[in-house]
C-alpha atoms as a PDB file:
ATOM      1  CA  MET A   1       0.803   0.623  22.922  1.00  0.00           C
ATOM      2  CA  LYS A   2      -0.526  -0.917  26.088  1.00  0.00           C
ATOM      3  CA  LEU A   3      -0.760   2.653  27.698  1.00  0.00           C
ATOM      4  CA  LEU A   4      -2.755   4.088  24.685  1.00  0.00           C
ATOM      5  CA  GLU A   5      -5.148   1.022  24.960  1.00  0.00           C
ATOM      6  CA  LYS A   6      -5.679   1.459  28.515  1.00  0.00           C
ATOM      7  CA  ILE A   7      -6.449   5.275  28.206  1.00  0.00           C
ATOM      8  CA  ALA A   8      -8.907   4.443  25.193  1.00  0.00           C
ATOM      9  CA  ARG A   9     -10.502   1.465  27.515  1.00  0.00           C
ATOM     10  CA  GLY A  10     -10.243  -0.912  24.585  1.00  0.00           C
ATOM     11  CA  PRO A  11      -8.328  -1.991  21.761  1.00  0.00           C
ATOM     12  CA  LEU A  12      -6.330   0.577  19.923  1.00  0.00           C
ATOM     13  CA  THR A  13      -7.278   1.239  16.192  1.00  0.00           C
ATOM     14  CA  LEU A  14      -5.420   2.762  13.385  1.00  0.00           C
ATOM     15  CA  GLY A  15      -7.701   5.629  13.660  1.00  0.00           C
ATOM     16  CA  MET A  16      -7.008   6.327  17.236  1.00  0.00           C
ATOM     17  CA  ALA A  17      -3.284   5.886  16.754  1.00  0.00           C
ATOM     18  CA  ILE A  18      -3.042   8.482  13.730  1.00  0.00           C
ATOM     19  CA  GLU A  19      -5.136  10.858  15.836  1.00  0.00           C
ATOM     20  CA  SER A  20      -3.014  10.785  18.798  1.00  0.00           C
ATOM     21  CA  ILE A  21       0.221  10.983  16.868  1.00  0.00           C
ATOM     22  CA  ARG A  22      -1.386  14.080  15.056  1.00  0.00           C
ATOM     23  CA  LYS A  23      -2.426  15.779  18.221  1.00  0.00           C
ATOM     24  CA  SER A  24       0.920  15.029  20.047  1.00  0.00           C
ATOM     25  CA  GLU A  25       2.461  16.621  16.958  1.00  0.00           C
ATOM     26  CA  GLU A  26       0.207  19.599  17.529  1.00  0.00           C
ATOM     27  CA  LEU A  27      -0.913  19.369  13.855  1.00  0.00           C
ATOM     28  CA  SER A  28      -4.286  20.228  12.526  1.00  0.00           C
ATOM     29  CA  GLN A  29      -6.332  17.698  10.435  1.00  0.00           C
ATOM     30  CA  ASP A  30      -5.631  19.742   7.348  1.00  0.00           C
ATOM     31  CA  GLU A  31      -1.958  19.893   8.041  1.00  0.00           C
ATOM     32  CA  CYS A  32      -1.623  16.065   8.713  1.00  0.00           C
ATOM     33  CA  ALA A  33      -3.823  15.342   5.636  1.00  0.00           C
ATOM     34  CA  ARG A  34      -1.458  17.470   3.445  1.00  0.00           C
ATOM     35  CA  LYS A  35       1.682  15.507   5.099  1.00  0.00           C
ATOM     36  CA  LEU A  36      -0.026  12.234   4.337  1.00  0.00           C
ATOM     37  CA  GLY A  37      -1.278  13.173   0.953  1.00  0.00           C
ATOM     38  CA  VAL A  38      -4.905  12.576   1.507  1.00  0.00           C
ATOM     39  CA  SER A  39      -7.947  14.876   1.945  1.00  0.00           C
ATOM     40  CA  LYS A  40      -9.005  16.094   5.210  1.00  0.00           C
ATOM     41  CA  SER A  41     -12.337  14.291   4.960  1.00  0.00           C
ATOM     42  CA  HIS A  42     -10.413  10.902   4.172  1.00  0.00           C
ATOM     43  CA  LEU A  43      -8.200  11.491   7.394  1.00  0.00           C
ATOM     44  CA  CYS A  44     -11.222  12.198   9.331  1.00  0.00           C
ATOM     45  CA  ASP A  45     -13.083   9.124   8.255  1.00  0.00           C
ATOM     46  CA  VAL A  46     -10.131   6.989   9.114  1.00  0.00           C
ATOM     47  CA  GLU A  47      -9.652   8.856  12.684  1.00  0.00           C
ATOM     48  CA  LYS A  48     -13.364   8.018  13.338  1.00  0.00           C
ATOM     49  CA  GLY A  49     -13.251   4.397  12.117  1.00  0.00           C
ATOM     50  CA  ARG A  50     -15.499   5.040   9.121  1.00  0.00           C
ATOM     51  CA  LYS A  51     -12.769   3.884   6.633  1.00  0.00           C
ATOM     52  CA  THR A  52      -9.959   1.494   6.746  1.00  0.00           C
ATOM     53  CA  VAL A  53      -6.494   1.887   5.266  1.00  0.00           C
ATOM     54  CA  SER A  54      -4.646  -0.812   3.486  1.00  0.00           C
ATOM     55  CA  PRO A  55      -1.219  -2.007   5.095  1.00  0.00           C
ATOM     56  CA  GLU A  56       0.762  -0.442   2.281  1.00  0.00           C
ATOM     57  CA  ARG A  57      -0.771   2.954   2.866  1.00  0.00           C
ATOM     58  CA  ALA A  58      -0.196   2.611   6.616  1.00  0.00           C
ATOM     59  CA  ALA A  59       3.465   1.804   5.997  1.00  0.00           C
ATOM     60  CA  LYS A  60       3.461   5.184   3.827  1.00  0.00           C
ATOM     61  CA  TRP A  61       1.947   7.123   6.541  1.00  0.00           C
ATOM     62  CA  ALA A  62       4.369   5.749   9.161  1.00  0.00           C
ATOM     63  CA  ARG A  63       7.266   7.040   7.073  1.00  0.00           C
ATOM     64  CA  ALA A  64       5.698  10.289   6.599  1.00  0.00           C
ATOM     65  CA  LEU A  65       5.073  10.511  10.128  1.00  0.00           C
ATOM     66  CA  SER A  66       8.425   9.403  11.170  1.00  0.00           C
ATOM     67  CA  TYR A  67       6.898   6.482  13.224  1.00  0.00           C
ATOM     68  CA  PRO A  68       7.811   2.746  13.131  1.00  0.00           C
ATOM     69  CA  GLU A  69       5.953   0.988  10.138  1.00  0.00           C
ATOM     70  CA  SER A  70       5.315  -2.156  12.072  1.00  0.00           C
ATOM     71  CA  VAL A  71       2.988  -0.282  14.435  1.00  0.00           C
ATOM     72  CA  LEU A  72       0.753   1.292  11.843  1.00  0.00           C
ATOM     73  CA  VAL A  73       0.772  -1.722   9.620  1.00  0.00           C
ATOM     74  CA  ARG A  74      -0.304  -3.970  12.554  1.00  0.00           C
ATOM     75  CA  LEU A  75      -3.167  -1.689  13.436  1.00  0.00           C
ATOM     76  CA  ALA A  76      -4.285  -1.438   9.604  1.00  0.00           C
ATOM     77  CA  ILE A  77      -4.325  -5.376   9.321  1.00  0.00           C
ATOM     78  CA  GLN A  78      -6.130  -5.721  12.586  1.00  0.00           C
ATOM     79  CA  SER A  79      -8.877  -3.061  11.574  1.00  0.00           C
ATOM     80  CA  GLU A  80      -9.337  -5.063   8.288  1.00  0.00           C
ATOM     81  CA  LEU A  81      -9.752  -8.351  10.106  1.00  0.00           C
ATOM     82  CA  ASP A  82     -12.181  -6.663  12.677  1.00  0.00           C
ATOM     83  CA  ALA A  83     -14.200  -5.200   9.804  1.00  0.00           C
ATOM     84  CA  ALA A  84     -14.649  -8.612   8.424  1.00  0.00           C
ATOM     85  CA  GLY A  85     -15.763  -9.820  11.752  1.00  0.00           C
ATOM     86  CA  LEU A  86     -12.821 -12.254  12.261  1.00  0.00           C
ATOM     87  CA  LYS A  87     -11.427 -12.648  15.847  1.00  0.00           C
ATOM     88  CA  TYR A  88      -7.857 -12.665  15.406  1.00  0.00           C
ATOM     89  CA  LYS A  89      -4.993 -10.791  17.028  1.00  0.00           C
ATOM     90  CA  VAL A  90      -2.182  -9.489  14.728  1.00  0.00           C
ATOM     91  CA  GLU A  91       1.282  -9.465  15.693  1.00  0.00           C
ATOM     92  CA  ILE A  92       3.952  -8.189  13.391  1.00  0.00           C
ATOM     93  CA  GLU A  93       7.542  -9.007  12.911  1.00  0.00           C
ATOM     94  CA  ALA A  94       9.984  -7.437  10.327  1.00  0.00           C
ATOM     95  CA  ALA A  95      11.014 -10.123   7.646  1.00  0.00           C
ATOM     96  CA  GLN A  96      14.704 -10.355   7.168  1.00  0.00           C
ATOM     97  CA  ARG A  97      15.992 -10.414   3.696  1.00  0.00           C
ATOM     98  CA  SER A  98      18.191 -13.287   2.965  1.00  0.00           C
ATOM     99  CA  ASP A  99      21.440 -13.100   1.281  1.00  0.00           C
ATOM    100  CA  ARG A 100      19.944 -14.810  -1.933  1.00  0.00           C
ATOM    101  CA  SER A 101      17.415 -12.263  -2.753  1.00  0.00           C
ATOM    102  CA  ASP A 102      17.430  -9.245  -4.940  1.00  0.00           C
ATOM    103  CA  ARG A 103      16.279  -5.753  -3.867  1.00  0.00           C
ATOM    104  CA  LEU A 104      12.549  -6.647  -4.355  1.00  0.00           C
ATOM    105  CA  GLY A 105      12.897  -9.698  -2.065  1.00  0.00           C
ATOM    106  CA  ARG A 106      12.591 -12.151  -4.866  1.00  0.00           C
ATOM    107  CA  PRO A 107      14.806 -15.258  -4.618  1.00  0.00           C
ATOM    108  CA  VAL A 108      18.053 -15.174  -6.898  1.00  0.00           C
ATOM    109  CA  PRO A 109      19.027 -18.388  -8.240  1.00  0.00           C
ATOM    110  CA  ALA A 110      22.523 -20.249  -7.377  1.00  0.00           C
ATOM    111  CA  GLY A 111      25.244 -18.344  -9.404  1.00  0.00           C
ATOM    112  CA  GLY A 112      23.481 -15.048  -9.679  1.00  0.00           C
ATOM    113  CA  PRO A 113      20.906 -13.934 -12.037  1.00  0.00           C
ATOM    114  CA  ARG A 114      21.112 -15.353 -15.555  1.00  0.00           C
ATOM    115  CA  PRO A 115      21.777 -12.898 -18.319  1.00  0.00           C
ATOM    116  CA  ARG A 116      18.971 -12.382 -20.718  1.00  0.00           C
ATOM    117  CA  ARG A 117      19.549 -13.235 -24.399  1.00  0.00           C
ATOM    118  CA  ARG A 118      18.729 -10.984 -27.093  1.00  0.00           C
ATOM    119  CA  GLY A 119      15.243 -11.681 -28.485  1.00  0.00           C
ATOM    120  CA  ALA A 120      14.626 -14.537 -25.926  1.00  0.00           C
ATOM    121  CA  GLY A 121      10.971 -15.514 -25.331  1.00  0.00           C
ATOM    122  CA  ARG A 122       7.981 -14.492 -27.013  1.00  0.00           C
ATOM    123  CA  PRO A 123       7.293 -10.926 -28.041  1.00  0.00           C
ATOM    124  CA  SER A 124       4.782  -9.000 -25.598  1.00  0.00           C
ATOM    125  CA  PRO A 125       1.485  -8.050 -27.103  1.00  0.00           C
ATOM    126  CA  THR A 126       0.646  -4.343 -27.358  1.00  0.00           C
ATOM    127  CA  LEU A 127      -2.610  -2.756 -27.616  1.00  0.00           C
ATOM    128  CA  ARG A 128      -3.049  -0.015 -30.521  1.00  0.00           C
ATOM    129  CA  TRP A 129      -6.130   2.220 -30.847  1.00  0.00           C
ATOM    130  CA  GLU A 130      -7.334   2.835 -34.316  1.00  0.00           C
ATOM    131  CA  LEU A 131      -9.517   6.111 -34.886  1.00  0.00           C
ATOM    132  CA  PRO A 132     -12.572   5.563 -36.854  1.00  0.00           C
ATOM    133  CA  ALA A 133     -13.113   6.767 -40.495  1.00  0.00           C
ATOM    134  CA  ALA A 134     -15.641   9.517 -40.902  1.00  0.00           C
ATOM    135  CA  GLY A 135     -19.092   8.086 -40.022  1.00  0.00           C
ATOM    136  CA  ALA A 136     -17.807   4.789 -38.481  1.00  0.00           C
ATOM    137  CA  ALA A 137     -18.935   3.505 -35.067  1.00  0.00           C
ATOM    138  CA  GLY A 138     -16.148   4.452 -32.638  1.00  0.00           C
ATOM    139  CA  PRO A 139     -12.519   3.659 -31.813  1.00  0.00           C
ATOM    140  CA  ARG A 140     -11.652   0.070 -31.873  1.00  0.00           C
ATOM    141  CA  CYS A 141      -8.788  -1.686 -30.304  1.00  0.00           C
ATOM    142  CA  CYS A 142      -6.187  -3.921 -32.322  1.00  0.00           C
ATOM    143  CA  GLU A 143      -4.009  -6.405 -30.873  1.00  0.00           C
ATOM    144  CA  ARG A 144      -0.586  -6.732 -32.453  1.00  0.00           C
ATOM    145  CA  ARG A 145       2.536  -8.381 -31.427  1.00  0.00           C
ATOM    146  CA  ARG A 146       5.929  -6.441 -31.132  1.00  0.00           C
ATOM    147  CA  ARG A 147       8.709  -7.717 -33.202  1.00  0.00           C
ATOM    148  CA  SER A 148      11.890  -9.230 -31.707  1.00  0.00           C
ATOM    149  CA  ARG A 149      14.928  -7.183 -32.555  1.00  0.00           C
END
């Protein structure tokens, strides 16, 4: 990273990193865009700094390009801060999953997750669209509740 910043004569951006990765792998913008699942024009806008990318999308792109997620995520967060005019420097460290969390990282209560009771809690609301009768104004939405089984 430091070498790329020295070559660029300034701080490395996500667009510069994506462009250098693309060129080092000898991919055209079209090929790289297909690999990332975006349009060629969107990739061009990101490379030129006209558009920012969310940290989630940066992580997805890093996996698609077989690069460490932390590098592109840090650059994505940094570019969002820079675009907002906030003078902060971002450093990323991977979080360690504790033994007391599920696969989504949510804490698990002592003794493990509680089994759900049948019919526990309130029924969740559902939306149902009714088509209008001939000559009526248009479809209307009716809220109803599911019955507990």
